[in-house]
Structures are given as structure tokens and as C-alpha cells.
């Protein structure tokens, strides 16, 4: 069962690039079992935040595996590159 992480409870309403390091460690520690990142209530998430958050994991494990294990609620279209 995937671990549900409410990002707002950990980082607050605004996400800074430095916060991505903390969140990335939470993902890394739960990657094998799966994790859902719930961004509900977070005002804005910069693409640089998401890049810092996921780039190392994608490089190490591959995009397909990471996105099978990590579910990004409310910003999934941004993460998957399908937003306009």
C-alpha cells in the first residue's frame, strides 16, 4: 500500500527548492513500497521544485519506475509533462 504524504503538512503552503531535498528523502525511503504525494492546499509549485525533487530519482531508477511508484496528486500533469 502506498504511503500518503500530505505535502502541505510537511512544507506549508509554499514550496521552496530547498524543501525538495527533504521531500526527496521521504520519497527515497518509501519508493519501493510506493508513495502518494498530495499537494492539495499548496498554492504554487515551481517546475524547478519538481525538477529538484524528481530528477535524481529518475536518473537513478528510470522515469517509468519512478512514476509507477510515485503518485503526484494535483500536479500529476505537470510532473508527467502533459500540461499546456
N, C-alpha and C. Protein backbone atom coordinates (compact mmCIF):
# COMPACT_ATOMS: atom_id res chain seq x y z
N UNK A 1 0.84 -1.18 0.00
CA UNK A 1 0.00 0.00 0.00
C UNK A 1 0.89 1.25 0.00
N UNK A 2 0.55 2.19 -0.87
CA UNK A 2 1.35 3.41 -0.97
C UNK A 2 1.18 4.29 0.26
N UNK A 3 2.29 4.88 0.68
CA UNK A 3 2.26 5.83 1.80
C UNK A 3 1.72 7.15 1.27
N UNK A 4 0.78 7.74 1.99
CA UNK A 4 0.21 9.02 1.60
C UNK A 4 0.91 10.13 2.37
N UNK A 5 1.49 11.07 1.64
CA UNK A 5 2.20 12.19 2.25
C UNK A 5 1.48 13.48 1.87
N UNK A 6 0.96 14.17 2.86
CA UNK A 6 0.32 15.46 2.64
C UNK A 6 1.41 16.53 2.70
N UNK A 7 1.79 17.00 1.52
CA UNK A 7 2.93 17.91 1.38
C UNK A 7 2.73 19.19 2.18
N UNK A 8 1.51 19.70 2.18
CA UNK A 8 1.26 20.96 2.92
C UNK A 8 1.55 20.81 4.41
N UNK A 9 1.26 19.66 4.97
CA UNK A 9 1.53 19.44 6.40
C UNK A 9 3.02 19.42 6.70
N UNK A 10 3.81 19.04 5.72
CA UNK A 10 5.26 18.96 5.91
C UNK A 10 5.95 20.28 5.55
N UNK A 11 5.55 20.86 4.40
CA UNK A 11 6.27 22.02 3.87
C UNK A 11 5.51 23.34 3.99
N UNK A 12 4.22 23.30 4.24
CA UNK A 12 3.42 24.53 4.27
C UNK A 12 2.82 24.83 2.91
N UNK A 13 2.25 26.04 2.77
CA UNK A 13 1.54 26.43 1.54
C UNK A 13 2.47 26.70 0.37
N UNK A 14 3.68 27.10 0.64
CA UNK A 14 4.65 27.44 -0.40
C UNK A 14 5.81 26.46 -0.35
N UNK A 15 6.24 25.99 -1.51
CA UNK A 15 7.36 25.05 -1.59
C UNK A 15 8.58 25.75 -2.15
N UNK A 16 9.67 25.71 -1.42
CA UNK A 16 10.94 26.25 -1.90
C UNK A 16 11.79 25.12 -2.43
N UNK A 17 12.75 25.45 -3.27
CA UNK A 17 13.62 24.42 -3.84
C UNK A 17 14.32 23.63 -2.74
N UNK A 18 14.72 24.30 -1.69
CA UNK A 18 15.40 23.61 -0.59
C UNK A 18 14.50 22.55 0.05
N UNK A 19 13.19 22.79 0.03
CA UNK A 19 12.24 21.84 0.59
C UNK A 19 12.21 20.54 -0.19
N UNK A 20 12.56 20.61 -1.46
CA UNK A 20 12.55 19.41 -2.31
C UNK A 20 13.53 18.36 -1.78
N UNK A 21 14.61 18.79 -1.17
CA UNK A 21 15.59 17.85 -0.62
C UNK A 21 14.96 17.01 0.49
N UNK A 22 14.24 17.64 1.37
CA UNK A 22 13.55 16.93 2.46
C UNK A 22 12.51 15.96 1.89
N UNK A 23 11.70 16.43 0.98
CA UNK A 23 10.66 15.61 0.40
C UNK A 23 11.24 14.47 -0.43
N UNK A 24 12.34 14.72 -1.11
CA UNK A 24 13.00 13.68 -1.91
C UNK A 24 13.46 12.53 -1.03
N UNK A 25 13.95 12.83 0.17
CA UNK A 25 14.37 11.77 1.09
C UNK A 25 13.18 10.94 1.56
N UNK A 26 12.05 11.59 1.77
CA UNK A 26 10.85 10.85 2.14
C UNK A 26 10.44 9.92 1.00
N UNK A 27 10.52 10.41 -0.22
CA UNK A 27 10.20 9.57 -1.39
C UNK A 27 11.18 8.41 -1.47
N UNK A 28 12.47 8.71 -1.38
CA UNK A 28 13.51 7.67 -1.50
C UNK A 28 13.31 6.57 -0.45
N UNK A 29 12.94 6.95 0.75
CA UNK A 29 12.74 5.98 1.82
C UNK A 29 11.49 5.13 1.65
N UNK A 30 10.58 5.56 0.80
CA UNK A 30 9.32 4.84 0.59
C UNK A 30 9.12 4.40 -0.85
N UNK A 31 10.13 4.54 -1.68
CA UNK A 31 9.99 4.28 -3.10
C UNK A 31 9.61 2.84 -3.41
N UNK A 32 10.21 1.91 -2.74
CA UNK A 32 9.95 0.50 -3.02
C UNK A 32 8.48 0.13 -2.77
N UNK A 33 7.90 0.66 -1.71
CA UNK A 33 6.51 0.36 -1.37
C UNK A 33 5.52 1.26 -2.09
N UNK A 34 6.00 2.37 -2.63
CA UNK A 34 5.14 3.33 -3.31
C UNK A 34 4.76 4.47 -2.39
N UNK A 35 4.48 5.63 -3.00
CA UNK A 35 4.16 6.82 -2.22
C UNK A 35 3.23 7.70 -3.03
N UNK A 36 2.29 8.32 -2.34
CA UNK A 36 1.42 9.30 -2.96
C UNK A 36 1.73 10.65 -2.34
N UNK A 37 2.09 11.61 -3.19
CA UNK A 37 2.34 12.98 -2.73
C UNK A 37 1.08 13.79 -2.99
N UNK A 38 0.46 14.26 -1.94
CA UNK A 38 -0.77 15.02 -2.04
C UNK A 38 -0.45 16.50 -1.87
N UNK A 39 -0.53 17.25 -2.97
CA UNK A 39 -0.22 18.68 -2.95
C UNK A 39 -1.45 19.55 -2.70
N UNK A 40 -2.54 18.95 -2.26
CA UNK A 40 -3.76 19.72 -2.01
C UNK A 40 -3.47 20.83 -1.00
N UNK A 41 -3.94 22.05 -1.33
CA UNK A 41 -3.74 23.19 -0.45
C UNK A 41 -2.42 23.91 -0.62
N UNK A 42 -1.56 23.38 -1.48
CA UNK A 42 -0.29 24.07 -1.77
C UNK A 42 -0.57 25.05 -2.90
N UNK A 43 -0.24 26.32 -2.68
CA UNK A 43 -0.59 27.37 -3.64
C UNK A 43 0.08 27.20 -4.99
N UNK A 44 1.38 27.10 -4.99
CA UNK A 44 2.14 27.01 -6.24
C UNK A 44 3.31 26.07 -6.05
N UNK A 45 3.62 25.38 -7.14
CA UNK A 45 4.79 24.53 -7.14
C UNK A 45 5.57 24.85 -8.42
N UNK A 46 6.76 25.38 -8.24
CA UNK A 46 7.59 25.73 -9.39
C UNK A 46 8.12 24.47 -10.06
N UNK A 47 8.30 24.55 -11.37
CA UNK A 47 8.85 23.41 -12.08
C UNK A 47 10.27 23.10 -11.60
N UNK A 48 10.99 24.12 -11.13
CA UNK A 48 12.33 23.88 -10.59
C UNK A 48 12.26 23.04 -9.32
N UNK A 49 11.20 23.22 -8.53
CA UNK A 49 10.99 22.40 -7.34
C UNK A 49 10.80 20.94 -7.74
N UNK A 50 9.92 20.72 -8.71
CA UNK A 50 9.64 19.36 -9.16
C UNK A 50 10.87 18.73 -9.80
N UNK A 51 11.64 19.52 -10.53
CA UNK A 51 12.87 19.02 -11.14
C UNK A 51 13.86 18.58 -10.07
N UNK A 52 14.06 19.41 -9.08
CA UNK A 52 14.97 19.07 -7.98
C UNK A 52 14.46 17.86 -7.20
N UNK A 53 13.15 17.78 -7.06
CA UNK A 53 12.53 16.69 -6.32
C UNK A 53 12.71 15.34 -7.00
N UNK A 54 12.53 15.30 -8.31
CA UNK A 54 12.43 14.03 -9.00
C UNK A 54 13.60 13.68 -9.92
N UNK A 55 14.40 14.64 -10.31
CA UNK A 55 15.45 14.39 -11.30
C UNK A 55 16.44 13.31 -10.89
N UNK A 56 16.95 13.37 -9.68
CA UNK A 56 17.92 12.36 -9.22
C UNK A 56 17.30 10.96 -9.19
N UNK A 57 16.05 10.89 -8.75
CA UNK A 57 15.36 9.60 -8.69
C UNK A 57 15.14 9.03 -10.09
N UNK A 58 14.74 9.88 -11.04
CA UNK A 58 14.53 9.43 -12.41
C UNK A 58 15.84 8.98 -13.03
N UNK A 59 16.92 9.70 -12.77
CA UNK A 59 18.22 9.33 -13.31
C UNK A 59 18.67 7.98 -12.76
N UNK A 60 18.44 7.75 -11.48
CA UNK A 60 18.89 6.51 -10.84
C UNK A 60 18.00 5.31 -11.17
N UNK A 61 16.67 5.50 -11.14
CA UNK A 61 15.74 4.37 -11.26
C UNK A 61 14.99 4.31 -12.59
N UNK A 62 15.01 5.40 -13.34
CA UNK A 62 14.27 5.45 -14.61
C UNK A 62 12.90 6.07 -14.42
N UNK A 63 12.48 6.82 -15.42
CA UNK A 63 11.21 7.54 -15.38
C UNK A 63 10.01 6.61 -15.16
N UNK A 64 9.98 5.51 -15.90
CA UNK A 64 8.84 4.60 -15.82
C UNK A 64 8.67 4.06 -14.40
N UNK A 65 9.74 3.59 -13.79
CA UNK A 65 9.67 3.04 -12.43
C UNK A 65 9.24 4.10 -11.42
N UNK A 66 9.86 5.27 -11.50
CA UNK A 66 9.55 6.33 -10.54
C UNK A 66 8.07 6.69 -10.60
N UNK A 67 7.52 6.83 -11.81
CA UNK A 67 6.13 7.24 -11.91
C UNK A 67 5.15 6.10 -11.70
N UNK A 68 5.64 4.88 -11.65
CA UNK A 68 4.79 3.77 -11.19
C UNK A 68 4.71 3.77 -9.67
N UNK A 69 5.78 4.19 -9.03
CA UNK A 69 5.87 4.16 -7.57
C UNK A 69 5.42 5.45 -6.90
N UNK A 70 5.52 6.58 -7.61
CA UNK A 70 5.20 7.89 -7.04
C UNK A 70 3.97 8.45 -7.73
N UNK A 71 2.92 8.65 -6.96
CA UNK A 71 1.69 9.25 -7.46
C UNK A 71 1.67 10.69 -6.95
N UNK A 72 1.55 11.65 -7.88
CA UNK A 72 1.58 13.06 -7.51
C UNK A 72 0.18 13.63 -7.71
N UNK A 73 -0.51 13.82 -6.61
CA UNK A 73 -1.88 14.32 -6.67
C UNK A 73 -1.89 15.84 -6.84
N UNK A 74 -2.73 16.33 -7.72
CA UNK A 74 -2.97 17.73 -8.03
C UNK A 74 -1.93 18.35 -8.97
N UNK A 75 -0.77 17.76 -9.09
CA UNK A 75 0.23 18.29 -10.02
C UNK A 75 0.75 17.21 -10.96
N UNK A 76 0.02 16.12 -11.10
CA UNK A 76 0.49 14.99 -11.92
C UNK A 76 0.69 15.39 -13.37
N UNK A 77 -0.15 16.27 -13.91
CA UNK A 77 0.01 16.68 -15.31
C UNK A 77 1.30 17.46 -15.52
N UNK A 78 1.69 18.22 -14.53
CA UNK A 78 2.95 18.96 -14.63
C UNK A 78 4.12 17.98 -14.60
N UNK A 79 4.07 17.04 -13.66
CA UNK A 79 5.16 16.08 -13.50
C UNK A 79 5.30 15.21 -14.74
N UNK A 80 4.20 14.78 -15.32
CA UNK A 80 4.25 13.89 -16.47
C UNK A 80 4.44 14.62 -17.80
N UNK A 81 4.49 15.97 -17.74
CA UNK A 81 4.75 16.74 -18.94
C UNK A 81 3.56 16.82 -19.88
N UNK A 82 2.34 16.69 -19.34
CA UNK A 82 1.16 16.75 -20.19
C UNK A 82 0.32 17.99 -19.97
N UNK A 83 0.87 18.97 -19.30
CA UNK A 83 0.14 20.21 -19.08
C UNK A 83 0.51 21.21 -20.18
N UNK A 84 -0.34 22.13 -20.43
CA UNK A 84 -0.10 23.13 -21.51
C UNK A 84 0.30 24.45 -20.90
